[in-house]
Amino acid sequence: NLMELLICMDALTRASARRITAVIPYFGYARQDRKVGGRTPIT
């Protein structure tokens, strides 16, 4: 679903849309919002 979102917006950009608003009712990967330990990401 994330890749669908990104690829669709890339298609819209290349189709010369004036403004693109990403409407994301549920924003995934949000629970990793800080480093909780060594060698961990902030997704």
PDB file of all heavy atoms in Angstrom:
ATOM      1  N   ASN A   1       0.813  -1.214   0.000  1.00  0.00           N
ATOM      2  CA  ASN A   1       0.000   0.000   0.000  1.00  0.00           C
ATOM      3  C   ASN A   1       0.843   1.259   0.000  1.00  0.00           C
ATOM      4  O   ASN A   1       0.478   2.270  -0.624  1.00  0.00           O
ATOM      5  CB  ASN A   1      -0.957  -0.013   1.189  1.00  0.00           C
ATOM      6  CG  ASN A   1      -2.086  -1.014   1.021  1.00  0.00           C
ATOM      7  OD1 ASN A   1      -2.495  -1.314  -0.091  1.00  0.00           O
ATOM      8  ND2 ASN A   1      -2.588  -1.548   2.124  1.00  0.00           N
ATOM      9  N   LEU A   2       1.968   1.217   0.687  1.00  0.00           N
ATOM     10  CA  LEU A   2       2.882   2.360   0.665  1.00  0.00           C
ATOM     11  C   LEU A   2       3.437   2.574  -0.739  1.00  0.00           C
ATOM     12  O   LEU A   2       3.475   3.704  -1.242  1.00  0.00           O
ATOM     13  CB  LEU A   2       4.017   2.154   1.672  1.00  0.00           C
ATOM     14  CG  LEU A   2       5.120   3.230   1.686  1.00  0.00           C
ATOM     15  CD1 LEU A   2       4.530   4.604   1.999  1.00  0.00           C
ATOM     16  CD2 LEU A   2       6.205   2.871   2.694  1.00  0.00           C
ATOM     17  N   MET A   3       3.844   1.498  -1.391  1.00  0.00           N
ATOM     18  CA  MET A   3       4.390   1.623  -2.744  1.00  0.00           C
ATOM     19  C   MET A   3       3.316   2.106  -3.722  1.00  0.00           C
ATOM     20  O   MET A   3       3.603   2.905  -4.619  1.00  0.00           O
ATOM     21  CB  MET A   3       4.973   0.294  -3.215  1.00  0.00           C
ATOM     22  CG  MET A   3       6.305  -0.061  -2.567  1.00  0.00           C
ATOM     23  SD  MET A   3       7.567   1.232  -2.756  1.00  0.00           S
ATOM     24  CE  MET A   3       7.729   1.311  -4.543  1.00  0.00           C
ATOM     25  N   GLU A   4       2.080   1.658  -3.565  1.00  0.00           N
ATOM     26  CA  GLU A   4       0.994   2.176  -4.402  1.00  0.00           C
ATOM     27  C   GLU A   4       0.875   3.691  -4.249  1.00  0.00           C
ATOM     28  O   GLU A   4       0.731   4.427  -5.235  1.00  0.00           O
ATOM     29  CB  GLU A   4      -0.334   1.520  -4.023  1.00  0.00           C
ATOM     30  CG  GLU A   4      -0.578   0.165  -4.641  1.00  0.00           C
ATOM     31  CD  GLU A   4      -2.000  -0.322  -4.390  1.00  0.00           C
ATOM     32  OE1 GLU A   4      -2.868   0.511  -4.048  1.00  0.00           O
ATOM     33  OE2 GLU A   4      -2.239  -1.538  -4.527  1.00  0.00           O
ATOM     34  N   LEU A   5       0.924   4.153  -3.008  1.00  0.00           N
ATOM     35  CA  LEU A   5       0.831   5.590  -2.736  1.00  0.00           C
ATOM     36  C   LEU A   5       1.959   6.345  -3.430  1.00  0.00           C
ATOM     37  O   LEU A   5       1.728   7.342  -4.125  1.00  0.00           O
ATOM     38  CB  LEU A   5       0.867   5.822  -1.228  1.00  0.00           C
ATOM     39  CG  LEU A   5       0.975   7.275  -0.750  1.00  0.00           C
ATOM     40  CD1 LEU A   5      -0.282   8.055  -1.132  1.00  0.00           C
ATOM     41  CD2 LEU A   5       1.199   7.323   0.765  1.00  0.00           C
ATOM     42  N   LEU A   6       3.187   5.875  -3.254  1.00  0.00           N
ATOM     43  CA  LEU A   6       4.350   6.569  -3.814  1.00  0.00           C
ATOM     44  C   LEU A   6       4.326   6.565  -5.346  1.00  0.00           C
ATOM     45  O   LEU A   6       4.591   7.586  -5.989  1.00  0.00           O
ATOM     46  CB  LEU A   6       5.642   5.919  -3.307  1.00  0.00           C
ATOM     47  CG  LEU A   6       5.859   5.911  -1.789  1.00  0.00           C
ATOM     48  CD1 LEU A   6       7.151   5.181  -1.439  1.00  0.00           C
ATOM     49  CD2 LEU A   6       5.874   7.323  -1.224  1.00  0.00           C
ATOM     50  N   ILE A   7       3.999   5.418  -5.927  1.00  0.00           N
ATOM     51  CA  ILE A   7       4.018   5.304  -7.390  1.00  0.00           C
ATOM     52  C   ILE A   7       2.893   6.129  -8.008  1.00  0.00           C
ATOM     53  O   ILE A   7       3.082   6.778  -9.045  1.00  0.00           O
ATOM     54  CB  ILE A   7       3.936   3.828  -7.815  1.00  0.00           C
ATOM     55  CG1 ILE A   7       5.209   3.079  -7.374  1.00  0.00           C
ATOM     56  CG2 ILE A   7       3.770   3.694  -9.321  1.00  0.00           C
ATOM     57  CD1 ILE A   7       5.139   1.573  -7.544  1.00  0.00           C
ATOM     58  N   CYS A   8       1.726   6.131  -7.390  1.00  0.00           N
ATOM     59  CA  CYS A   8       0.626   6.958  -7.902  1.00  0.00           C
ATOM     60  C   CYS A   8       0.996   8.437  -7.866  1.00  0.00           C
ATOM     61  O   CYS A   8       0.706   9.187  -8.818  1.00  0.00           O
ATOM     62  CB  CYS A   8      -0.646   6.720  -7.091  1.00  0.00           C
ATOM     63  SG  CYS A   8      -1.498   5.170  -7.463  1.00  0.00           S
ATOM     64  N   MET A   9       1.641   8.885  -6.794  1.00  0.00           N
ATOM     65  CA  MET A   9       2.012  10.296  -6.720  1.00  0.00           C
ATOM     66  C   MET A   9       3.111  10.637  -7.714  1.00  0.00           C
ATOM     67  O   MET A   9       3.137  11.735  -8.279  1.00  0.00           O
ATOM     68  CB  MET A   9       2.422  10.656  -5.283  1.00  0.00           C
ATOM     69  CG  MET A   9       1.243  10.673  -4.331  1.00  0.00           C
ATOM     70  SD  MET A   9       1.567  11.464  -2.746  1.00  0.00           S
ATOM     71  CE  MET A   9       2.855  10.401  -2.098  1.00  0.00           C
ATOM     72  N   ASP A  10       4.020   9.705  -7.967  1.00  0.00           N
ATOM     73  CA  ASP A  10       5.017   9.931  -9.000  1.00  0.00           C
ATOM     74  C   ASP A  10       4.345  10.059 -10.369  1.00  0.00           C
ATOM     75  O   ASP A  10       4.711  10.930 -11.179  1.00  0.00           O
ATOM     76  CB  ASP A  10       6.026   8.789  -9.020  1.00  0.00           C
ATOM     77  CG  ASP A  10       7.146   9.015 -10.021  1.00  0.00           C
ATOM     78  OD1 ASP A  10       8.016   9.872  -9.761  1.00  0.00           O
ATOM     79  OD2 ASP A  10       7.143   8.352 -11.082  1.00  0.00           O
ATOM     80  N   ALA A  11       3.353   9.216 -10.629  1.00  0.00           N
ATOM     81  CA  ALA A  11       2.612   9.295 -11.887  1.00  0.00           C
ATOM     82  C   ALA A  11       1.893  10.641 -12.008  1.00  0.00           C
ATOM     83  O   ALA A  11       1.862  11.250 -13.086  1.00  0.00           O
ATOM     84  CB  ALA A  11       1.611   8.145 -11.986  1.00  0.00           C
ATOM     85  N   LEU A  12       1.316  11.126 -10.915  1.00  0.00           N
ATOM     86  CA  LEU A  12       0.632  12.410 -10.921  1.00  0.00           C
ATOM     87  C   LEU A  12       1.603  13.561 -11.160  1.00  0.00           C
ATOM     88  O   LEU A  12       1.285  14.524 -11.882  1.00  0.00           O
ATOM     89  CB  LEU A  12      -0.114  12.617  -9.604  1.00  0.00           C
ATOM     90  CG  LEU A  12      -1.324  11.719  -9.365  1.00  0.00           C
ATOM     91  CD1 LEU A  12      -1.770  11.787  -7.909  1.00  0.00           C
ATOM     92  CD2 LEU A  12      -2.481  12.100 -10.295  1.00  0.00           C
ATOM     93  N   THR A  13       2.779  13.469 -10.550  1.00  0.00           N
ATOM     94  CA  THR A  13       3.803  14.503 -10.758  1.00  0.00           C
ATOM     95  C   THR A  13       4.194  14.573 -12.227  1.00  0.00           C
ATOM     96  O   THR A  13       4.293  15.658 -12.823  1.00  0.00           O
ATOM     97  CB  THR A  13       5.044  14.199  -9.901  1.00  0.00           C
ATOM     98  OG1 THR A  13       4.672  14.201  -8.513  1.00  0.00           O
ATOM     99  CG2 THR A  13       6.132  15.242 -10.119  1.00  0.00           C
ATOM    100  N   ARG A  14       4.405  13.411 -12.821  1.00  0.00           N
ATOM    101  CA  ARG A  14       4.809  13.356 -14.233  1.00  0.00           C
ATOM    102  C   ARG A  14       3.653  13.685 -15.179  1.00  0.00           C
ATOM    103  O   ARG A  14       3.876  13.969 -16.360  1.00  0.00           O
ATOM    104  CB  ARG A  14       5.416  11.986 -14.537  1.00  0.00           C
ATOM    105  CG  ARG A  14       6.672  11.720 -13.720  1.00  0.00           C
ATOM    106  CD  ARG A  14       7.268  10.345 -13.936  1.00  0.00           C
ATOM    107  NE  ARG A  14       8.292  10.064 -12.937  1.00  0.00           N
ATOM    108  CZ  ARG A  14       9.544  10.517 -12.982  1.00  0.00           C
ATOM    109  NH1 ARG A  14       9.932  11.283 -14.002  1.00  0.00           N
ATOM    110  NH2 ARG A  14      10.405  10.212 -12.040  1.00  0.00           N
ATOM    111  N   ALA A  15       2.421  13.649 -14.652  1.00  0.00           N
ATOM    112  CA  ALA A  15       1.253  14.057 -15.430  1.00  0.00           C
ATOM    113  C   ALA A  15       0.959  15.552 -15.264  1.00  0.00           C
ATOM    114  O   ALA A  15      -0.079  16.038 -15.725  1.00  0.00           O
ATOM    115  CB  ALA A  15       0.035  13.242 -15.008  1.00  0.00           C
ATOM    116  N   SER A  16       1.865  16.269 -14.571  1.00  0.00           N
ATOM    117  CA  SER A  16       1.786  17.731 -14.413  1.00  0.00           C
ATOM    118  C   SER A  16       0.613  18.194 -13.565  1.00  0.00           C
ATOM    119  O   SER A  16       0.005  19.236 -13.826  1.00  0.00           O
ATOM    120  CB  SER A  16       1.733  18.423 -15.784  1.00  0.00           C
ATOM    121  OG  SER A  16       2.866  18.103 -16.550  1.00  0.00           O
ATOM    122  N   ALA A  17       0.255  17.403 -12.518  1.00  0.00           N
ATOM    123  CA  ALA A  17      -0.761  17.868 -11.569  1.00  0.00           C
ATOM    124  C   ALA A  17      -0.250  19.134 -10.880  1.00  0.00           C
ATOM    125  O   ALA A  17       0.925  19.250 -10.557  1.00  0.00           O
ATOM    126  CB  ALA A  17      -1.048  16.783 -10.541  1.00  0.00           C
ATOM    127  N   ARG A  18      -1.157  20.089 -10.666  1.00  0.00           N
ATOM    128  CA  ARG A  18      -0.751  21.363 -10.056  1.00  0.00           C
ATOM    129  C   ARG A  18      -0.387  21.193  -8.586  1.00  0.00           C
ATOM    130  O   ARG A  18       0.594  21.760  -8.106  1.00  0.00           O
ATOM    131  CB  ARG A  18      -1.890  22.384 -10.198  1.00  0.00           C
ATOM    132  CG  ARG A  18      -1.612  23.722  -9.511  1.00  0.00           C
ATOM    133  CD  ARG A  18      -2.707  24.737  -9.836  1.00  0.00           C
ATOM    134  NE  ARG A  18      -4.021  24.253  -9.415  1.00  0.00           N
ATOM    135  CZ  ARG A  18      -4.499  24.397  -8.184  1.00  0.00           C
ATOM    136  NH1 ARG A  18      -3.776  24.969  -7.231  1.00  0.00           N
ATOM    137  NH2 ARG A  18      -5.718  23.957  -7.892  1.00  0.00           N
ATOM    138  N   ARG A  19      -1.211  20.440  -7.860  1.00  0.00           N
ATOM    139  CA  ARG A  19      -0.949  20.188  -6.441  1.00  0.00           C
ATOM    140  C   ARG A  19      -1.406  18.788  -6.103  1.00  0.00           C
ATOM    141  O   ARG A  19      -2.464  18.352  -6.546  1.00  0.00           O
ATOM    142  CB  ARG A  19      -1.662  21.216  -5.559  1.00  0.00           C
ATOM    143  CG  ARG A  19      -1.420  20.996  -4.062  1.00  0.00           C
ATOM    144  CD  ARG A  19      -1.995  22.115  -3.211  1.00  0.00           C
ATOM    145  NE  ARG A  19      -3.457  22.143  -3.252  1.00  0.00           N
ATOM    146  CZ  ARG A  19      -4.203  22.972  -2.517  1.00  0.00           C
ATOM    147  NH1 ARG A  19      -3.613  23.856  -1.723  1.00  0.00           N
ATOM    148  NH2 ARG A  19      -5.525  22.946  -2.595  1.00  0.00           N
ATOM    149  N   ILE A  20      -0.597  18.075  -5.318  1.00  0.00           N
ATOM    150  CA  ILE A  20      -0.929  16.711  -4.910  1.00  0.00           C
ATOM    151  C   ILE A  20      -0.987  16.674  -3.384  1.00  0.00           C
ATOM    152  O   ILE A  20      -0.006  17.001  -2.710  1.00  0.00           O
ATOM    153  CB  ILE A  20       0.125  15.700  -5.405  1.00  0.00           C
ATOM    154  CG1 ILE A  20       0.282  15.780  -6.926  1.00  0.00           C
ATOM    155  CG2 ILE A  20      -0.252  14.282  -4.979  1.00  0.00           C
ATOM    156  CD1 ILE A  20       1.510  15.047  -7.453  1.00  0.00           C
ATOM    157  N   THR A  21      -2.143  16.270  -2.872  1.00  0.00           N
ATOM    158  CA  THR A  21      -2.296  16.094  -1.425  1.00  0.00           C
ATOM    159  C   THR A  21      -2.429  14.609  -1.135  1.00  0.00           C
ATOM    160  O   THR A  21      -3.332  13.945  -1.651  1.00  0.00           O
ATOM    161  CB  THR A  21      -3.537  16.841  -0.903  1.00  0.00           C
ATOM    162  OG1 THR A  21      -3.410  18.230  -1.183  1.00  0.00           O
ATOM    163  CG2 THR A  21      -3.687  16.651   0.607  1.00  0.00           C
ATOM    164  N   ALA A  22      -1.512  14.089  -0.318  1.00  0.00           N
ATOM    165  CA  ALA A  22      -1.583  12.686   0.101  1.00  0.00           C
ATOM    166  C   ALA A  22      -2.532  12.590   1.291  1.00  0.00           C
ATOM    167  O   ALA A  22      -2.238  13.119   2.369  1.00  0.00           O
ATOM    168  CB  ALA A  22      -0.199  12.183   0.481  1.00  0.00           C
ATOM    169  N   VAL A  23      -3.686  11.976   1.078  1.00  0.00           N
ATOM    170  CA  VAL A  23      -4.672  11.784   2.147  1.00  0.00           C
ATOM    171  C   VAL A  23      -4.440  10.385   2.710  1.00  0.00           C
ATOM    172  O   VAL A  23      -4.758   9.384   2.066  1.00  0.00           O
ATOM    173  CB  VAL A  23      -6.106  11.935   1.618  1.00  0.00           C
ATOM    174  CG1 VAL A  23      -7.117  11.763   2.750  1.00  0.00           C
ATOM    175  CG2 VAL A  23      -6.280  13.286   0.933  1.00  0.00           C
ATOM    176  N   ILE A  24      -3.875  10.321   3.917  1.00  0.00           N
ATOM    177  CA  ILE A  24      -3.441   9.050   4.500  1.00  0.00           C
ATOM    178  C   ILE A  24      -4.204   8.851   5.807  1.00  0.00           C
ATOM    179  O   ILE A  24      -3.749   9.250   6.891  1.00  0.00           O
ATOM    180  CB  ILE A  24      -1.918   9.047   4.761  1.00  0.00           C
ATOM    181  CG1 ILE A  24      -1.169   9.519   3.510  1.00  0.00           C
ATOM    182  CG2 ILE A  24      -1.438   7.665   5.186  1.00  0.00           C
ATOM    183  CD1 ILE A  24       0.316   9.710   3.728  1.00  0.00           C
ATOM    184  N   PRO A  25      -5.404   8.254   5.738  1.00  0.00           N
ATOM    185  CA  PRO A  25      -6.198   8.080   6.971  1.00  0.00           C
ATOM    186  C   PRO A  25      -5.439   7.336   8.065  1.00  0.00           C
ATOM    187  O   PRO A  25      -5.575   7.665   9.246  1.00  0.00           O
ATOM    188  CB  PRO A  25      -7.420   7.295   6.485  1.00  0.00           C
ATOM    189  CG  PRO A  25      -7.529   7.644   5.037  1.00  0.00           C
ATOM    190  CD  PRO A  25      -6.131   7.779   4.551  1.00  0.00           C
ATOM    191  N   TYR A  26      -4.674   6.309   7.681  1.00  0.00           N
ATOM    192  CA  TYR A  26      -3.821   5.609   8.645  1.00  0.00           C
ATOM    193  C   TYR A  26      -2.381   5.667   8.150  1.00  0.00           C
ATOM    194  O   TYR A  26      -2.070   5.144   7.087  1.00  0.00           O
ATOM    195  CB  TYR A  26      -4.249   4.154   8.818  1.00  0.00           C
ATOM    196  CG  TYR A  26      -3.267   3.325   9.630  1.00  0.00           C
ATOM    197  CD1 TYR A  26      -3.043   3.608  10.975  1.00  0.00           C
ATOM    198  CD2 TYR A  26      -2.546   2.284   9.047  1.00  0.00           C
ATOM    199  CE1 TYR A  26      -2.132   2.875  11.724  1.00  0.00           C
ATOM    200  CE2 TYR A  26      -1.632   1.543   9.793  1.00  0.00           C
ATOM    201  CZ  TYR A  26      -1.430   1.841  11.127  1.00  0.00           C
ATOM    202  OH  TYR A  26      -0.524   1.121  11.859  1.00  0.00           O
ATOM    203  N   PHE A  27      -1.531   6.344   8.913  1.00  0.00           N
ATOM    204  CA  PHE A  27      -0.126   6.514   8.554  1.00  0.00           C
ATOM    205  C   PHE A  27       0.682   5.389   9.206  1.00  0.00           C
ATOM    206  O   PHE A  27       0.916   5.396  10.413  1.00  0.00           O
ATOM    207  CB  PHE A  27       0.369   7.886   9.017  1.00  0.00           C
ATOM    208  CG  PHE A  27       1.800   8.181   8.668  1.00  0.00           C
ATOM    209  CD1 PHE A  27       2.152   8.572   7.384  1.00  0.00           C
ATOM    210  CD2 PHE A  27       2.803   8.069   9.623  1.00  0.00           C
ATOM    211  CE1 PHE A  27       3.475   8.849   7.058  1.00  0.00           C
ATOM    212  CE2 PHE A  27       4.121   8.343   9.316  1.00  0.00           C
ATOM    213  CZ  PHE A  27       4.457   8.725   8.025  1.00  0.00           C
ATOM    214  N   GLY A  28       1.059   4.394   8.397  1.00  0.00           N
ATOM    215  CA  GLY A  28       1.825   3.263   8.914  1.00  0.00           C
ATOM    216  C   GLY A  28       3.275   3.615   9.203  1.00  0.00           C
ATOM    217  O   GLY A  28       3.746   4.694   8.861  1.00  0.00           O
ATOM    218  N   TYR A  29       3.975   2.705   9.833  1.00  0.00           N
ATOM    219  CA  TYR A  29       5.369   2.886  10.246  1.00  0.00           C
ATOM    220  C   TYR A  29       5.538   4.015  11.266  1.00  0.00           C
ATOM    221  O   TYR A  29       6.648   4.465  11.525  1.00  0.00           O
ATOM    222  CB  TYR A  29       6.278   3.124   9.040  1.00  0.00           C
ATOM    223  CG  TYR A  29       6.588   1.874   8.246  1.00  0.00           C
ATOM    224  CD1 TYR A  29       6.018   1.661   6.995  1.00  0.00           C
ATOM    225  CD2 TYR A  29       7.437   0.897   8.756  1.00  0.00           C
ATOM    226  CE1 TYR A  29       6.287   0.510   6.264  1.00  0.00           C
ATOM    227  CE2 TYR A  29       7.717  -0.249   8.035  1.00  0.00           C
ATOM    228  CZ  TYR A  29       7.142  -0.445   6.797  1.00  0.00           C
ATOM    229  OH  TYR A  29       7.412  -1.592   6.083  1.00  0.00           O
ATOM    230  N   ALA A  30       4.426   4.492  11.843  1.00  0.00           N
ATOM    231  CA  ALA A  30       4.493   5.626  12.764  1.00  0.00           C
ATOM    232  C   ALA A  30       4.959   5.230  14.156  1.00  0.00           C
ATOM    233  O   ALA A  30       5.387   6.085  14.934  1.00  0.00           O
ATOM    234  CB  ALA A  30       3.122   6.296  12.860  1.00  0.00           C
ATOM    235  N   ARG A  31       4.890   3.946  14.487  1.00  0.00           N
ATOM    236  CA  ARG A  31       5.256   3.535  15.850  1.00  0.00           C
ATOM    237  C   ARG A  31       6.766   3.571  16.078  1.00  0.00           C
ATOM    238  O   ARG A  31       7.216   3.577  17.222  1.00  0.00           O
ATOM    239  CB  ARG A  31       4.698   2.140  16.137  1.00  0.00           C
ATOM    240  CG  ARG A  31       3.209   2.148  16.444  1.00  0.00           C
ATOM    241  CD  ARG A  31       2.618   0.771  16.554  1.00  0.00           C
ATOM    242  NE  ARG A  31       2.412   0.167  15.244  1.00  0.00           N
ATOM    243  CZ  ARG A  31       1.827  -1.007  15.057  1.00  0.00           C
ATOM    244  NH1 ARG A  31       1.388  -1.685  16.107  1.00  0.00           N
ATOM    245  NH2 ARG A  31       1.662  -1.481  13.844  1.00  0.00           N
ATOM    246  N   GLN A  32       7.534   3.618  14.995  1.00  0.00           N
ATOM    247  CA  GLN A  32       8.984   3.784  15.125  1.00  0.00           C
ATOM    248  C   GLN A  32       9.304   5.253  14.861  1.00  0.00           C
ATOM    249  O   GLN A  32       9.782   5.633  13.808  1.00  0.00           O
ATOM    250  CB  GLN A  32       9.708   2.874  14.134  1.00  0.00           C
ATOM    251  CG  GLN A  32       9.444   1.392  14.371  1.00  0.00           C
ATOM    252  CD  GLN A  32      10.082   0.514  13.315  1.00  0.00           C
ATOM    253  OE1 GLN A  32      11.300   0.332  13.301  1.00  0.00           O
ATOM    254  NE2 GLN A  32       9.265  -0.026  12.417  1.00  0.00           N
ATOM    255  N   ASP A  33       9.004   6.087  15.860  1.00  0.00           N
ATOM    256  CA  ASP A  33       9.162   7.529  15.691  1.00  0.00           C
ATOM    257  C   ASP A  33      10.399   8.080  16.409  1.00  0.00           C
ATOM    258  O   ASP A  33      10.610   9.289  16.475  1.00  0.00           O
ATOM    259  CB  ASP A  33       7.911   8.262  16.177  1.00  0.00           C
ATOM    260  CG  ASP A  33       7.596   7.990  17.638  1.00  0.00           C
ATOM    261  OD1 ASP A  33       8.231   7.095  18.234  1.00  0.00           O
ATOM    262  OD2 ASP A  33       6.707   8.669  18.189  1.00  0.00           O
ATOM    263  N   ARG A  34      11.217   7.183  16.974  1.00  0.00           N
ATOM    264  CA  ARG A  34      12.449   7.584  17.655  1.00  0.00           C
ATOM    265  C   ARG A  34      13.326   6.353  17.793  1.00  0.00           C
ATOM    266  O   ARG A  34      12.841   5.221  17.649  1.00  0.00           O
ATOM    267  CB  ARG A  34      12.142   8.176  19.038  1.00  0.00           C
ATOM    268  CG  ARG A  34      11.517   7.168  19.991  1.00  0.00           C
ATOM    269  CD  ARG A  34      10.921   7.836  21.208  1.00  0.00           C
ATOM    270  NE  ARG A  34      10.424   6.871  22.183  1.00  0.00           N
ATOM    271  CZ  ARG A  34       9.263   6.221  22.078  1.00  0.00           C
ATOM    272  NH1 ARG A  34       8.489   6.424  21.021  1.00  0.00           N
ATOM    273  NH2 ARG A  34       8.885   5.393  23.014  1.00  0.00           N
ATOM    274  N   LYS A  35      14.587   6.572  18.084  1.00  0.00           N
ATOM    275  CA  LYS A  35      15.477   5.436  18.312  1.00  0.00           C
ATOM    276  C   LYS A  35      15.238   4.876  19.708  1.00  0.00           C
ATOM    277  O   LYS A  35      15.353   5.590  20.699  1.00  0.00           O
ATOM    278  CB  LYS A  35      16.944   5.869  18.171  1.00  0.00           C
ATOM    279  CG  LYS A  35      17.393   6.049  16.721  1.00  0.00           C
ATOM    280  CD  LYS A  35      18.844   6.485  16.643  1.00  0.00           C
ATOM    281  CE  LYS A  35      19.790   5.358  17.060  1.00  0.00           C
ATOM    282  NZ  LYS A  35      19.822   4.260  16.078  1.00  0.00           N
ATOM    283  N   VAL A  36      14.866   3.620  19.773  1.00  0.00           N
ATOM    284  CA  VAL A  36      14.599   2.987  21.061  1.00  0.00           C
ATOM    285  C   VAL A  36      15.788   2.156  21.528  1.00  0.00           C
ATOM    286  O   VAL A  36      15.752   1.573  22.599  1.00  0.00           O
ATOM    287  CB  VAL A  36      13.336   2.103  20.990  1.00  0.00           C
ATOM    288  CG1 VAL A  36      12.114   2.952  20.716  1.00  0.00           C
ATOM    289  CG2 VAL A  36      13.475   1.036  19.898  1.00  0.00           C
ATOM    290  N   GLY A  37      16.816   2.100  20.721  1.00  0.00           N
ATOM    291  CA  GLY A  37      18.017   1.338  21.059  1.00  0.00           C
ATOM    292  C   GLY A  37      19.048   1.539  19.967  1.00  0.00           C
ATOM    293  O   GLY A  37      18.809   2.227  18.974  1.00  0.00           O
ATOM    294  N   GLY A  38      20.198   0.952  20.187  1.00  0.00           N
ATOM    295  CA  GLY A  38      21.251   1.072  19.194  1.00  0.00           C
ATOM    296  C   GLY A  38      20.902   0.382  17.892  1.00  0.00           C
ATOM    297  O   GLY A  38      20.247  -0.653  17.877  1.00  0.00           O
ATOM    298  N   ARG A  39      21.312   1.023  16.780  1.00  0.00           N
ATOM    299  CA  ARG A  39      21.176   0.440  15.439  1.00  0.00           C
ATOM    300  C   ARG A  39      19.718   0.142  15.076  1.00  0.00           C
ATOM    301  O   ARG A  39      19.415  -0.879  14.478  1.00  0.00           O
ATOM    302  CB  ARG A  39      22.035  -0.828  15.318  1.00  0.00           C
ATOM    303  CG  ARG A  39      23.527  -0.559  15.520  1.00  0.00           C
ATOM    304  CD  ARG A  39      24.329  -1.831  15.699  1.00  0.00           C
ATOM    305  NE  ARG A  39      23.940  -2.590  16.868  1.00  0.00           N
ATOM    306  CZ  ARG A  39      24.285  -2.279  18.117  1.00  0.00           C
ATOM    307  NH1 ARG A  39      25.039  -1.218  18.350  1.00  0.00           N
ATOM    308  NH2 ARG A  39      23.901  -3.028  19.126  1.00  0.00           N
ATOM    309  N   THR A  40      18.814   1.044  15.459  1.00  0.00           N
ATOM    310  CA  THR A  40      17.405   0.922  15.081  1.00  0.00           C
ATOM    311  C   THR A  40      17.006   2.123  14.222  1.00  0.00           C
ATOM    312  O   THR A  40      17.573   3.208  14.360  1.00  0.00           O
ATOM    313  CB  THR A  40      16.479   0.847  16.313  1.00  0.00           C
ATOM    314  OG1 THR A  40      16.675   2.024  17.118  1.00  0.00           O
ATOM    315  CG2 THR A  40      16.775  -0.397  17.138  1.00  0.00           C
ATOM    316  N   PRO A  41      16.022   1.950  13.324  1.00  0.00           N
ATOM    317  CA  PRO A  41      15.646   3.037  12.408  1.00  0.00           C
ATOM    318  C   PRO A  41      14.592   3.956  13.004  1.00  0.00           C
ATOM    319  O   PRO A  41      13.971   3.649  14.031  1.00  0.00           O
ATOM    320  CB  PRO A  41      15.072   2.272  11.215  1.00  0.00           C
ATOM    321  CG  PRO A  41      14.399   1.087  11.867  1.00  0.00           C
ATOM    322  CD  PRO A  41      15.286   0.709  13.038  1.00  0.00           C
ATOM    323  N   ILE A  42      14.380   5.071  12.344  1.00  0.00           N
ATOM    324  CA  ILE A  42      13.238   5.946  12.631  1.00  0.00           C
ATOM    325  C   ILE A  42      12.387   5.930  11.369  1.00  0.00           C
ATOM    326  O   ILE A  42      12.524   6.769  10.478  1.00  0.00           O
ATOM    327  CB  ILE A  42      13.681   7.375  13.009  1.00  0.00           C
ATOM    328  CG1 ILE A  42      14.636   7.337  14.205  1.00  0.00           C
ATOM    329  CG2 ILE A  42      12.465   8.245  13.343  1.00  0.00           C
ATOM    330  CD1 ILE A  42      15.164   8.689  14.631  1.00  0.00           C
ATOM    331  N   THR A  43      11.518   4.931  11.265  1.00  0.00           N
ATOM    332  CA  THR A  43      10.795   4.707  10.016  1.00  0.00           C
ATOM    333  C   THR A  43       9.775   5.799   9.723  1.00  0.00           C
ATOM    334  O   THR A  43       9.467   6.058   8.554  1.00  0.00           O
ATOM    335  CB  THR A  43      10.080   3.346  10.041  1.00  0.00           C
ATOM    336  OG1 THR A  43       9.216   3.286  11.184  1.00  0.00           O
ATOM    337  CG2 THR A  43      11.084   2.201  10.107  1.00  0.00           C
TER     338      THR A  43
END
